[in-house]
Amino acid sequence: MGRLIAVAPWLDRAVPLGFGLALLLLVPWQTAFRFGMDEGYELMKALLVSRGHRLYGEFWNDQPPLHTELLALLFRLCGPSAGVGRVLSVGFAGVLVAALYGLARRGSNRLTGLVAVVLLAGAAGFLELSVSVMLELPAFALGLAAVWTWYRWETNGRRAWLVGSGVLMGCALQVKFTAALLLPALAVAWCLPARAGEAHSPAPAAASTVPSGAPCRFATRLRGLRWHAGWIWLAALAAAFGLVVVLSYGPGAWAMFWNSHFSAGTRDRAALVPGFQAARLWDESGLVVAALAGLVVMGLLRRRELVFPLVWLVTALVVHLQHRPYWPYYFLHFALPLAWLGGAGVVEVFRLLWRKLLPPGQQGWTLPCLGWGLWSLVAAWVISLAVGRGEWELRRLRVALPAVEQEAVQRLRAHAANVQWLFTTHLLSAFWAGLPVPPELAVIPLKRGWSGQITADQVRACLERYQPELILLPESRIRDWGLEDYLAQHYQPVDAAGDLYRRR
């Protein structure tokens, strides 16, 4: 038994390490042209920053800078490559898996954490996000690490864990603001112990030191200490967030954020885009059934640690039923709390049936055995669905087309000699060809056009300023920006395809 206990911490480390190692061994992360839909934006931004261009100002960017700055640093150290960015993403995925595993096993056991990880791995798009150079997963990896660190403070009362949690949450918000979906659940979890009279005192306060007959004064002191801890956590968050603002934000950054996401033009155009439908959750029926079982466990056993994923799930539902547009990678906002609840549901229902329905000697075994057998079938179905979905996703990633076989990459490399700048909306092709795009034109998502932050005149002025030697644009973009005459005057097609132009 002692040997088993000694091995257990190594098993805790093996879960995230095994997950990351499996991805690195089984997925062509060094050669695949594309995994996630926004990889081109993130790789090109980091390439430009690594070459000395600052985000914001002339460099249009409507996302926080922390991930881009970190990736640019790695590009400076290791050289720019998609493989470097994907290894970084796998590292964040390992952090996310470790945090979910640790949180799910709180109040239960290691099997609960392991089942939660299996359910998450089988959720739609999770494995793809784990190897994609995108912002969503790193933001929630840091955010969930902040939650795990916060619970560590609740357990042992060490202030370093409390400060670390605030710093991690501040960093998560500086990767992507969607990490704020965790804040309502954190607020509820912070309030619950005080309401239940079970708040942990961050200062030493043994039960023997509590004066007899003074429970009210002691409870008041605990609440005061908890409020004090809350201010410390917020100060750490603000310090980390503010430091990134001071070091990395440039002129006009906040205006870019606001106009891109909340301007009238963005709201009007986004309202026409299909949004999230709650019925889509049933596409992940196994995950949802397991999570419903987790809610049953929470209600029957009064498991307060499951309030956090429940509040998180409700927050995500409320936000995405209102917010437009809904991108496919936003499913991560649901998959994480569902997997947390689902891990508890699969394991704790077994334990509940075993402990609560085990009959006394005078009763029969029929009902308990029937319930235990039925749930065994349901649990096997849930886990087999997750494993099957994970295997299918892994097979899809393994056959991703190599960048060297992409026609656009081949064409750009063939004409890359003496090219300093390339203007294109095919950012991944440009990155794989090693050709930078002018910073003002490197990030042109739909929201930039919706919010009126790019016009045909601005595109033409930027082309005059940089005079890119190559332009690769589809006919629709040329028409939208009115570049027909400009291209005819200054550029000529270089091949029969007619969408790649070289400056005269």
Protein backbone atom coordinates (compact mmCIF):
# COMPACT_ATOMS: atom_id res chain seq x y z
CA MET A 1 0.00 0.00 0.00
CA GLY A 2 2.82 2.41 0.85
CA ARG A 3 4.44 1.73 -2.51
CA LEU A 4 1.14 2.47 -4.28
CA ILE A 5 0.81 5.78 -2.45
CA ALA A 6 4.36 6.72 -3.41
CA VAL A 7 3.64 6.00 -7.09
CA ALA A 8 0.41 8.06 -7.13
CA PRO A 9 2.07 11.51 -7.57
CA TRP A 10 3.92 10.15 -10.61
CA LEU A 11 0.58 9.04 -12.05
CA ASP A 12 -0.70 12.60 -11.64
CA ARG A 13 2.17 13.86 -13.76
CA ALA A 14 1.82 11.05 -16.28
CA VAL A 15 -1.66 12.16 -17.40
CA PRO A 16 -0.70 15.57 -18.90
CA LEU A 17 2.74 14.39 -19.97
CA GLY A 18 1.29 11.33 -21.70
CA PHE A 19 -1.33 13.45 -23.42
CA GLY A 20 1.24 15.90 -24.77
CA LEU A 21 3.69 13.18 -25.77
CA ALA A 22 0.99 11.27 -27.65
CA LEU A 23 0.15 14.37 -29.69
CA LEU A 24 3.79 15.05 -30.52
CA LEU A 25 4.36 11.46 -31.59
CA LEU A 26 1.16 10.89 -33.55
CA VAL A 27 0.40 14.26 -35.19
CA PRO A 28 2.50 15.80 -38.01
CA TRP A 29 2.90 19.08 -36.15
CA GLN A 30 6.12 20.01 -37.98
CA THR A 31 4.88 19.57 -41.53
CA ALA A 32 1.08 19.94 -41.64
CA PHE A 33 -0.03 23.03 -43.53
CA ARG A 34 -3.09 23.79 -41.39
CA PHE A 35 -4.82 22.57 -38.26
CA GLY A 36 -6.90 25.40 -36.75
CA MET A 37 -8.81 28.01 -38.74
CA ASP A 38 -6.91 31.03 -37.33
CA GLU A 39 -3.36 29.70 -37.40
CA GLY A 40 -2.41 32.05 -40.22
CA TYR A 41 -3.25 35.15 -38.16
CA GLU A 42 -1.30 34.04 -35.11
CA LEU A 43 1.78 32.82 -36.97
CA MET A 44 2.05 35.94 -39.14
CA LYS A 45 1.56 38.26 -36.16
CA ALA A 46 4.32 36.50 -34.25
CA LEU A 47 6.61 36.55 -37.30
CA LEU A 48 6.22 40.31 -37.69
CA VAL A 49 6.67 40.99 -33.97
CA SER A 50 9.80 38.83 -33.93
CA ARG A 51 11.17 41.10 -36.66
CA GLY A 52 10.65 44.23 -34.61
CA HIS A 53 7.13 45.40 -35.49
CA ARG A 54 5.05 46.41 -32.46
CA LEU A 55 1.45 45.36 -32.06
CA TYR A 56 -1.31 47.98 -32.26
CA GLY A 57 -0.98 51.44 -33.69
CA GLU A 58 -0.43 50.86 -37.39
CA PHE A 59 -0.31 47.11 -36.73
CA TRP A 60 -4.02 46.25 -36.55
CA ASN A 61 -4.77 43.60 -33.92
CA ASP A 62 -7.98 43.18 -31.96
CA GLN A 63 -6.69 40.58 -29.48
CA PRO A 64 -4.51 40.88 -26.35
CA PRO A 65 -0.77 40.53 -26.95
CA LEU A 66 0.60 37.98 -24.48
CA HIS A 67 0.47 34.86 -26.65
CA THR A 68 1.82 36.73 -29.68
CA GLU A 69 4.72 38.17 -27.69
CA LEU A 70 5.57 34.76 -26.22
CA LEU A 71 5.47 33.09 -29.63
CA ALA A 72 7.58 35.91 -31.12
CA LEU A 73 10.17 35.34 -28.39
CA LEU A 74 10.32 31.66 -29.29
CA PHE A 75 10.70 32.62 -32.96
CA ARG A 76 13.69 34.78 -32.05
CA LEU A 77 15.25 31.94 -30.07
CA CYS A 78 14.41 28.96 -32.28
CA GLY A 79 13.60 30.47 -35.65
CA PRO A 80 10.11 31.04 -37.09
CA SER A 81 8.28 27.82 -37.82
CA ALA A 82 4.79 26.44 -37.42
CA GLY A 83 6.30 23.57 -35.43
CA VAL A 84 7.52 25.94 -32.71
CA GLY A 85 4.06 27.44 -32.36
CA ARG A 86 2.41 24.04 -32.23
CA VAL A 87 4.77 22.74 -29.57
CA LEU A 88 3.80 25.81 -27.52
CA SER A 89 0.14 24.94 -28.04
CA VAL A 90 0.73 21.33 -26.97
CA GLY A 91 2.42 22.67 -23.84
CA PHE A 92 -0.63 24.79 -23.02
CA ALA A 93 -2.85 21.77 -23.72
CA GLY A 94 -0.81 19.80 -21.17
CA VAL A 95 -1.36 22.56 -18.62
CA LEU A 96 -5.09 22.51 -19.37
CA VAL A 97 -5.30 18.73 -19.01
CA ALA A 98 -3.32 18.82 -15.76
CA ALA A 99 -5.58 21.53 -14.32
CA LEU A 100 -8.79 19.74 -15.32
CA TYR A 101 -7.46 16.46 -13.93
CA GLY A 102 -6.55 18.10 -10.63
CA LEU A 103 -9.86 19.94 -10.32
CA ALA A 104 -12.03 16.96 -11.26
CA ARG A 105 -10.37 14.70 -8.68
CA ARG A 106 -10.98 17.17 -5.84
CA GLY A 107 -13.39 15.55 -3.41
CA SER A 108 -13.29 12.30 -5.41
CA ASN A 109 -10.34 10.25 -6.69
CA ARG A 110 -7.83 9.99 -9.52
CA LEU A 111 -10.18 7.92 -11.66
CA THR A 112 -12.58 10.89 -11.76
CA GLY A 113 -9.83 13.13 -13.09
CA LEU A 114 -8.80 10.55 -15.65
CA VAL A 115 -12.37 10.09 -16.92
CA ALA A 116 -12.77 13.87 -17.20
CA VAL A 117 -9.64 14.03 -19.36
CA VAL A 118 -10.88 11.18 -21.57
CA LEU A 119 -14.24 12.93 -22.04
CA LEU A 120 -12.48 16.19 -22.92
CA ALA A 121 -10.18 14.47 -25.41
CA GLY A 122 -13.25 13.10 -27.19
CA ALA A 123 -15.02 16.48 -27.33
CA ALA A 124 -15.45 18.08 -30.74
CA GLY A 125 -12.35 19.91 -31.88
CA PHE A 126 -10.33 19.61 -28.68
CA LEU A 127 -7.44 17.62 -30.13
CA GLU A 128 -7.29 19.99 -33.09
CA LEU A 129 -7.11 23.00 -30.76
CA SER A 130 -4.39 21.23 -28.77
CA VAL A 131 -2.03 21.37 -31.77
CA SER A 132 -3.26 24.60 -33.37
CA VAL A 133 -1.51 27.94 -33.04
CA MET A 134 -4.60 29.74 -31.76
CA LEU A 135 -5.58 31.75 -28.68
CA GLU A 136 -8.61 30.01 -27.22
CA LEU A 137 -6.96 26.99 -25.63
CA PRO A 138 -3.93 28.85 -24.16
CA ALA A 139 -6.27 31.40 -22.56
CA PHE A 140 -8.32 28.71 -20.84
CA ALA A 141 -5.23 26.70 -19.95
CA LEU A 142 -3.96 29.65 -17.91
CA GLY A 143 -7.45 30.39 -16.62
CA LEU A 144 -8.05 26.84 -15.42
CA ALA A 145 -4.55 26.78 -13.90
CA ALA A 146 -5.59 29.92 -12.00
CA VAL A 147 -8.69 28.12 -10.71
CA TRP A 148 -6.64 25.08 -9.62
CA THR A 149 -4.14 27.37 -7.88
CA TRP A 150 -6.97 29.20 -6.15
CA TYR A 151 -8.31 25.93 -4.77
CA ARG A 152 -4.81 25.09 -3.58
CA TRP A 153 -4.89 28.30 -1.56
CA GLU A 154 -8.26 27.31 -0.13
CA THR A 155 -6.76 23.99 0.96
CA ASN A 156 -3.54 25.17 2.61
CA GLY A 157 -3.97 28.91 3.07
CA ARG A 158 -0.56 29.83 1.64
CA ARG A 159 -0.64 33.32 0.21
CA ALA A 160 1.74 32.42 -2.61
CA TRP A 161 -0.97 30.22 -4.15
CA LEU A 162 -3.48 33.07 -3.88
CA VAL A 163 -1.16 35.57 -5.56
CA GLY A 164 -0.18 33.02 -8.20
CA SER A 165 -3.84 32.43 -9.01
CA GLY A 166 -4.46 36.13 -9.56
CA VAL A 167 -1.36 36.45 -11.74
CA LEU A 168 -2.37 33.46 -13.87
CA MET A 169 -5.87 34.85 -14.37
CA GLY A 170 -4.46 38.22 -15.39
CA CYS A 171 -2.22 36.47 -17.92
CA ALA A 172 -5.15 34.39 -19.20
CA LEU A 173 -7.12 37.57 -19.91
CA GLN A 174 -4.12 38.99 -21.74
CA VAL A 175 -4.12 35.95 -24.03
CA LYS A 176 -7.81 36.29 -24.86
CA PHE A 177 -10.62 38.08 -23.08
CA THR A 178 -12.94 35.07 -23.37
CA ALA A 179 -11.18 33.67 -20.27
CA ALA A 180 -13.49 36.06 -18.38
CA LEU A 181 -16.15 33.34 -18.65
CA LEU A 182 -14.45 31.79 -15.61
CA LEU A 183 -14.90 34.83 -13.39
CA PRO A 184 -18.59 34.36 -12.39
CA ALA A 185 -17.89 30.77 -11.32
CA LEU A 186 -14.86 31.93 -9.32
CA ALA A 187 -16.97 34.58 -7.62
CA VAL A 188 -19.62 32.01 -6.65
CA ALA A 189 -17.00 29.54 -5.42
CA TRP A 190 -15.38 32.29 -3.39
CA CYS A 191 -18.69 33.19 -1.73
CA LEU A 192 -19.94 29.67 -1.00
CA PRO A 193 -17.64 28.75 1.91
CA ALA A 194 -18.40 32.01 3.69
CA ARG A 195 -22.13 31.39 3.36
CA ALA A 196 -21.75 27.85 4.62
CA GLY A 197 -19.62 28.97 7.56
CA GLU A 198 -16.75 26.85 6.27
CA ALA A 199 -14.36 29.48 4.96
CA HIS A 200 -10.73 28.56 5.17
CA SER A 201 -8.65 31.03 7.09
CA PRO A 202 -5.45 31.96 5.25
CA ALA A 203 -3.90 32.69 8.62
CA PRO A 204 -3.26 29.89 11.17
CA ALA A 205 -6.41 29.44 13.21
CA ALA A 206 -6.68 26.06 14.86
CA ALA A 207 -10.04 25.05 16.23
CA SER A 208 -8.59 24.90 19.74
CA THR A 209 -7.86 28.64 19.66
CA VAL A 210 -11.50 29.58 19.11
CA PRO A 211 -12.96 30.91 22.36
CA SER A 212 -15.82 28.82 23.64
CA GLY A 213 -19.17 30.49 23.13
CA ALA A 214 -17.86 32.87 20.46
CA PRO A 215 -18.79 31.22 17.13
CA CYS A 216 -20.21 34.42 15.72
CA ARG A 217 -17.03 36.39 16.34
CA PHE A 218 -14.92 33.62 14.80
CA ALA A 219 -17.18 33.36 11.72
CA THR A 220 -16.99 37.15 11.33
CA ARG A 221 -13.20 36.97 11.49
CA LEU A 222 -13.13 34.26 8.84
CA ARG A 223 -15.32 36.34 6.55
CA GLY A 224 -13.06 39.34 7.06
CA LEU A 225 -9.97 37.31 6.24
CA ARG A 226 -11.69 35.99 3.11
CA TRP A 227 -12.55 39.49 1.95
CA HIS A 228 -8.93 40.45 2.54
CA ALA A 229 -7.79 37.47 0.46
CA GLY A 230 -10.18 38.49 -2.31
CA TRP A 231 -8.60 41.92 -2.54
CA ILE A 232 -5.14 40.34 -2.67
CA TRP A 233 -6.27 38.11 -5.54
CA LEU A 234 -7.75 41.05 -7.45
CA ALA A 235 -4.59 43.08 -6.88
CA ALA A 236 -2.43 40.27 -8.27
CA LEU A 237 -4.72 39.98 -11.30
CA ALA A 238 -4.66 43.74 -11.90
CA ALA A 239 -0.86 43.85 -11.51
CA ALA A 240 -0.27 41.10 -14.07
CA PHE A 241 -2.86 42.50 -16.47
CA GLY A 242 -1.58 46.06 -16.06
CA LEU A 243 2.06 45.10 -16.56
CA VAL A 244 1.23 43.62 -19.96
CA VAL A 245 -0.73 46.77 -20.83
CA VAL A 246 2.23 49.00 -19.96
CA LEU A 247 4.80 46.86 -21.78
CA SER A 248 2.88 45.86 -24.90
CA TYR A 249 -0.15 48.01 -25.59
CA GLY A 250 0.22 50.75 -28.17
CA PRO A 251 -1.84 53.72 -29.32
CA GLY A 252 -5.40 52.90 -30.20
CA ALA A 253 -5.38 49.38 -28.76
CA TRP A 254 -8.52 49.78 -26.68
CA ALA A 255 -10.36 51.44 -29.57
CA MET A 256 -9.46 48.49 -31.81
CA PHE A 257 -10.79 46.04 -29.22
CA TRP A 258 -14.04 47.92 -28.70
CA ASN A 259 -14.83 48.74 -32.32
CA SER A 260 -13.98 45.26 -33.56
CA HIS A 261 -16.23 43.48 -31.08
CA PHE A 262 -18.95 45.96 -30.07
CA SER A 263 -19.34 48.65 -32.74
CA ALA A 264 -22.75 49.13 -34.35
CA GLY A 265 -21.45 47.73 -37.63
CA THR A 266 -20.15 44.59 -35.96
CA ARG A 267 -23.41 44.06 -34.07
CA ASP A 268 -25.52 44.55 -37.19
CA ARG A 269 -23.48 42.23 -39.39
CA ALA A 270 -22.91 39.61 -36.69
CA ALA A 271 -26.66 39.45 -36.06
CA LEU A 272 -27.03 37.98 -39.56
CA VAL A 273 -24.59 35.15 -38.76
CA PRO A 274 -26.09 31.95 -37.25
CA GLY A 275 -25.43 31.79 -33.53
CA PHE A 276 -25.15 29.05 -30.97
CA GLN A 277 -28.10 26.71 -30.54
CA ALA A 278 -28.35 24.84 -27.24
CA ALA A 279 -29.67 21.81 -29.13
CA ARG A 280 -26.19 21.43 -30.62
CA LEU A 281 -24.98 20.16 -27.27
CA TRP A 282 -26.75 16.90 -28.00
CA ASP A 283 -24.28 16.32 -30.80
CA GLU A 284 -22.05 15.43 -27.84
CA SER A 285 -24.67 13.18 -26.27
CA GLY A 286 -22.25 11.02 -24.30
CA LEU A 287 -20.57 14.06 -22.75
CA VAL A 288 -23.94 15.62 -21.90
CA VAL A 289 -25.31 12.43 -20.31
CA ALA A 290 -22.20 12.10 -18.15
CA ALA A 291 -22.50 15.76 -17.12
CA LEU A 292 -26.16 15.29 -16.20
CA ALA A 293 -25.10 12.41 -13.98
CA GLY A 294 -22.60 14.80 -12.39
CA LEU A 295 -25.43 17.21 -11.61
CA VAL A 296 -27.36 14.37 -9.99
CA VAL A 297 -24.31 13.60 -7.86
CA MET A 298 -24.01 17.26 -6.91
CA GLY A 299 -27.64 17.39 -5.82
CA LEU A 300 -27.77 14.09 -3.93
CA LEU A 301 -24.39 14.30 -2.24
CA ARG A 302 -24.25 18.10 -1.96
CA ARG A 303 -20.86 18.22 -3.66
CA ARG A 304 -20.05 21.92 -3.54
CA GLU A 305 -16.91 21.51 -5.68
CA LEU A 306 -19.21 20.81 -8.64
CA VAL A 307 -20.89 24.20 -8.31
CA PHE A 308 -17.97 25.76 -10.18
CA PRO A 309 -18.40 23.82 -13.47
CA LEU A 310 -22.18 24.25 -13.21
CA VAL A 311 -21.95 28.04 -12.93
CA TRP A 312 -19.34 28.07 -15.69
CA LEU A 313 -21.62 26.05 -17.96
CA VAL A 314 -24.59 28.33 -17.28
CA THR A 315 -22.43 31.40 -17.93
CA ALA A 316 -21.28 29.99 -21.28
CA LEU A 317 -24.88 29.18 -22.25
CA VAL A 318 -26.15 32.67 -21.36
CA VAL A 319 -23.29 34.42 -23.18
CA HIS A 320 -23.36 32.35 -26.36
CA LEU A 321 -27.14 32.38 -26.69
CA GLN A 322 -26.80 36.18 -26.93
CA HIS A 323 -23.38 36.75 -28.50
CA ARG A 324 -22.75 36.70 -32.24
CA PRO A 325 -20.92 35.26 -34.05
CA TYR A 326 -20.36 31.78 -32.65
CA TRP A 327 -17.15 30.21 -33.95
CA PRO A 328 -16.66 26.41 -33.82
CA TYR A 329 -13.73 26.62 -31.38
CA TYR A 330 -16.01 28.25 -28.80
CA PHE A 331 -17.25 24.75 -28.00
CA LEU A 332 -14.24 24.56 -25.69
CA HIS A 333 -16.22 26.85 -23.34
CA PHE A 334 -18.78 24.04 -22.95
CA ALA A 335 -16.53 21.00 -23.28
CA LEU A 336 -14.42 21.86 -20.23
CA PRO A 337 -17.23 22.21 -17.64
CA LEU A 338 -19.12 19.28 -19.20
CA ALA A 339 -16.04 17.06 -18.92
CA TRP A 340 -15.50 18.17 -15.31
CA LEU A 341 -19.10 17.33 -14.41
CA GLY A 342 -18.98 14.19 -16.53
CA GLY A 343 -15.93 12.78 -14.77
CA ALA A 344 -17.70 13.13 -11.44
CA GLY A 345 -20.90 11.71 -12.90
CA VAL A 346 -19.35 8.54 -14.30
CA VAL A 347 -17.32 7.67 -11.20
CA GLU A 348 -19.46 9.00 -8.38
CA VAL A 349 -22.66 7.30 -9.57
CA PHE A 350 -20.78 4.00 -9.30
CA ARG A 351 -19.70 4.89 -5.78
CA LEU A 352 -23.18 6.10 -4.88
CA LEU A 353 -24.79 2.86 -6.04
CA TRP A 354 -22.19 0.81 -4.22
CA ARG A 355 -22.40 2.69 -0.92
CA LYS A 356 -26.01 3.81 -0.74
CA LEU A 357 -27.83 0.96 -2.44
CA LEU A 358 -25.87 -1.95 -1.01
CA PRO A 359 -28.71 -3.78 0.77
CA PRO A 360 -28.78 -4.96 4.37
CA GLY A 361 -28.86 -8.71 4.95
CA GLN A 362 -32.65 -8.91 5.01
CA GLN A 363 -33.15 -7.21 1.64
CA GLY A 364 -32.53 -8.55 -1.82
CA TRP A 365 -29.73 -7.71 -4.23
CA THR A 366 -31.94 -7.31 -7.29
CA LEU A 367 -32.42 -3.53 -7.27
CA PRO A 368 -28.80 -2.59 -6.45
CA CYS A 369 -27.39 -5.00 -9.01
CA LEU A 370 -29.84 -3.79 -11.64
CA GLY A 371 -28.92 -0.15 -11.03
CA TRP A 372 -25.21 -0.88 -10.94
CA GLY A 373 -25.40 -2.94 -14.14
CA LEU A 374 -27.48 -0.32 -15.95
CA TRP A 375 -25.08 2.47 -15.08
CA SER A 376 -22.14 0.27 -16.11
CA LEU A 377 -23.67 0.04 -19.58
CA VAL A 378 -24.28 3.80 -19.71
CA ALA A 379 -20.75 4.57 -18.52
CA ALA A 380 -19.25 2.16 -21.04
CA TRP A 381 -21.28 3.83 -23.80
CA VAL A 382 -20.16 7.32 -22.70
CA ILE A 383 -16.48 6.40 -22.53
CA SER A 384 -16.54 4.42 -25.77
CA LEU A 385 -18.08 7.41 -27.55
CA ALA A 386 -15.34 9.68 -26.21
CA VAL A 387 -12.57 7.26 -27.16
CA GLY A 388 -14.07 6.72 -30.61
CA ARG A 389 -14.40 10.46 -31.26
CA GLY A 390 -10.84 11.02 -30.06
CA GLU A 391 -9.49 8.29 -32.34
CA TRP A 392 -11.39 9.70 -35.31
CA GLU A 393 -10.06 13.21 -34.63
CA LEU A 394 -6.53 11.89 -34.27
CA ARG A 395 -6.75 10.02 -37.58
CA ARG A 396 -7.99 13.19 -39.27
CA LEU A 397 -5.09 15.21 -37.89
CA ARG A 398 -2.54 12.58 -38.90
CA VAL A 399 -3.46 12.84 -42.59
CA ALA A 400 -3.24 16.64 -42.70
CA LEU A 401 -1.75 17.75 -46.01
CA PRO A 402 1.93 18.79 -45.74
CA ALA A 403 2.74 22.42 -46.47
CA VAL A 404 5.22 21.47 -49.18
CA GLU A 405 2.36 19.97 -51.21
CA GLN A 406 0.26 23.14 -51.10
CA GLU A 407 0.11 24.76 -54.52
CA ALA A 408 0.04 28.30 -53.12
CA VAL A 409 3.14 27.65 -51.00
CA GLN A 410 4.97 26.18 -53.98
CA ARG A 411 4.12 29.16 -56.18
CA LEU A 412 5.18 31.71 -53.58
CA ARG A 413 8.46 29.93 -52.92
CA ALA A 414 9.17 29.81 -56.64
CA HIS A 415 8.88 33.62 -56.85
CA ALA A 416 10.29 34.52 -53.40
CA ALA A 417 13.69 35.72 -54.62
CA ASN A 418 14.33 39.40 -53.79
CA VAL A 419 10.87 39.74 -52.22
CA GLN A 420 10.70 41.87 -49.08
CA TRP A 421 6.92 42.17 -48.75
CA LEU A 422 3.96 40.13 -49.91
CA PHE A 423 0.35 41.22 -49.70
CA THR A 424 -2.12 38.36 -49.42
CA THR A 425 -5.02 37.10 -47.39
CA HIS A 426 -3.53 33.57 -47.58
CA LEU A 427 -1.47 34.15 -44.45
CA LEU A 428 -0.54 30.52 -43.85
CA SER A 429 0.83 30.22 -47.38
CA ALA A 430 2.82 33.41 -46.85
CA PHE A 431 4.19 32.15 -43.54
CA TRP A 432 5.25 28.78 -44.93
CA ALA A 433 6.92 30.62 -47.84
CA GLY A 434 8.79 32.83 -45.34
CA LEU A 435 7.32 36.06 -46.76
CA PRO A 436 5.99 38.77 -44.40
CA VAL A 437 2.80 40.73 -44.98
CA PRO A 438 2.69 44.48 -44.20
CA PRO A 439 1.65 44.83 -40.52
CA GLU A 440 -1.33 47.07 -41.35
CA LEU A 441 -2.71 44.36 -43.65
CA ALA A 442 -1.64 41.22 -41.79
CA VAL A 443 -4.90 40.76 -39.85
CA ILE A 444 -8.10 41.27 -41.84
CA PRO A 445 -10.83 39.17 -40.19
CA LEU A 446 -14.52 39.65 -40.89
CA LYS A 447 -14.94 41.86 -37.81
CA ARG A 448 -12.44 44.38 -39.16
CA GLY A 449 -14.56 44.88 -42.24
CA TRP A 450 -17.82 44.83 -40.26
CA SER A 451 -16.57 47.55 -37.90
CA GLY A 452 -15.35 49.77 -40.76
CA GLN A 453 -11.70 49.57 -39.68
CA ILE A 454 -10.46 48.81 -43.18
CA THR A 455 -11.41 50.55 -46.41
CA ALA A 456 -10.33 50.37 -50.03
CA ASP A 457 -8.49 53.69 -49.65
CA GLN A 458 -6.55 52.38 -46.67
CA VAL A 459 -5.55 49.24 -48.55
CA ARG A 460 -4.35 51.28 -51.53
CA ALA A 461 -2.42 53.72 -49.33
CA CYS A 462 -0.70 50.84 -47.56
CA LEU A 463 0.27 49.27 -50.88
CA GLU A 464 1.76 52.58 -52.00
CA ARG A 465 3.76 52.83 -48.79
CA TYR A 466 5.20 49.30 -48.78
CA GLN A 467 5.12 48.57 -52.52
CA PRO A 468 5.10 44.77 -52.00
CA GLU A 469 6.95 42.89 -54.70
CA LEU A 470 4.25 40.17 -54.78
CA ILE A 471 0.48 40.28 -54.39
CA LEU A 472 -1.60 37.10 -54.10
CA LEU A 473 -5.32 37.88 -53.96
CA PRO A 474 -8.50 36.20 -55.16
CA GLU A 475 -10.61 38.08 -57.65
CA SER A 476 -13.30 38.77 -55.03
CA ARG A 477 -10.86 40.67 -52.81
CA ILE A 478 -9.48 42.65 -55.74
CA ARG A 479 -13.01 43.66 -56.66
CA ASP A 480 -14.05 44.52 -53.08
CA TRP A 481 -11.06 46.83 -52.62
CA GLY A 482 -11.20 48.30 -56.12
CA LEU A 483 -7.65 47.28 -57.00
CA GLU A 484 -8.19 46.40 -60.66
CA ASP A 485 -6.70 49.66 -62.00
CA TYR A 486 -3.92 49.71 -59.41
CA LEU A 487 -2.78 46.21 -60.31
CA ALA A 488 -2.97 46.96 -64.03
CA GLN A 489 -0.72 50.01 -63.58
CA HIS A 490 1.92 48.58 -61.24
CA TYR A 491 1.79 44.76 -61.43
CA GLN A 492 1.69 41.94 -63.92
CA PRO A 493 0.54 38.32 -63.52
CA VAL A 494 3.34 35.81 -63.11
CA ASP A 495 1.53 32.65 -64.20
CA ALA A 496 -1.62 31.38 -65.81
CA ALA A 497 -3.61 31.23 -62.56
CA GLY A 498 -3.99 35.01 -62.69
CA ASP A 499 -4.12 35.67 -58.93
CA LEU A 500 -0.37 36.14 -58.27
CA TYR A 501 1.15 39.44 -59.38
CA ARG A 502 4.72 40.80 -59.37
CA ARG A 503 5.47 44.50 -59.26
CA ARG A 504 6.77 45.91 -62.54
